[in-house]
């Protein structure tokens, strides 16, 4: 059976898709573009807007098999942590309370907490270490790429 949404549903999906594209543009400007993005089949990811963005930026979209969230283990791990450490630990009294609590958790997760996948550095410290490494090794990278071109 197929359930059709009304125009309001399509409008909400379009807004979500455009928000995804804006976030990806911001990430591309700040961190560079990825080669590939692994995503589920949510409406915000199956949109024409995201497809056009990926095409224009030469980024491959890899859709996981529907009903197989284990194909994207990173996000499943994140969802588990978010649910266990934030959502299950708090009663949200208002939407503003939920936004504030979730934002505080997000800042802690992204800036304060060490991550095993980053060698037990915080994401911020890992990014700083990567920038320092790039600066320190810039001449070697340039020389290697120049030598390869010649």
Foldseek 3Di string as FASTA:
>chain_A
DDDDDDVVVVVVLVVLLVVVLVVQVVCCVVPNHDQEDEDEDDSSCPDPSNVVSCVVRNHHYHYDDPPCCVVVVVVVVVVVCCCVVQVVVDDQPDVVSNVVSSVVVVCCQQPPFFDVVLVRDHNVVSVVVVVVVCVVCVVVVVVVVVVVVD
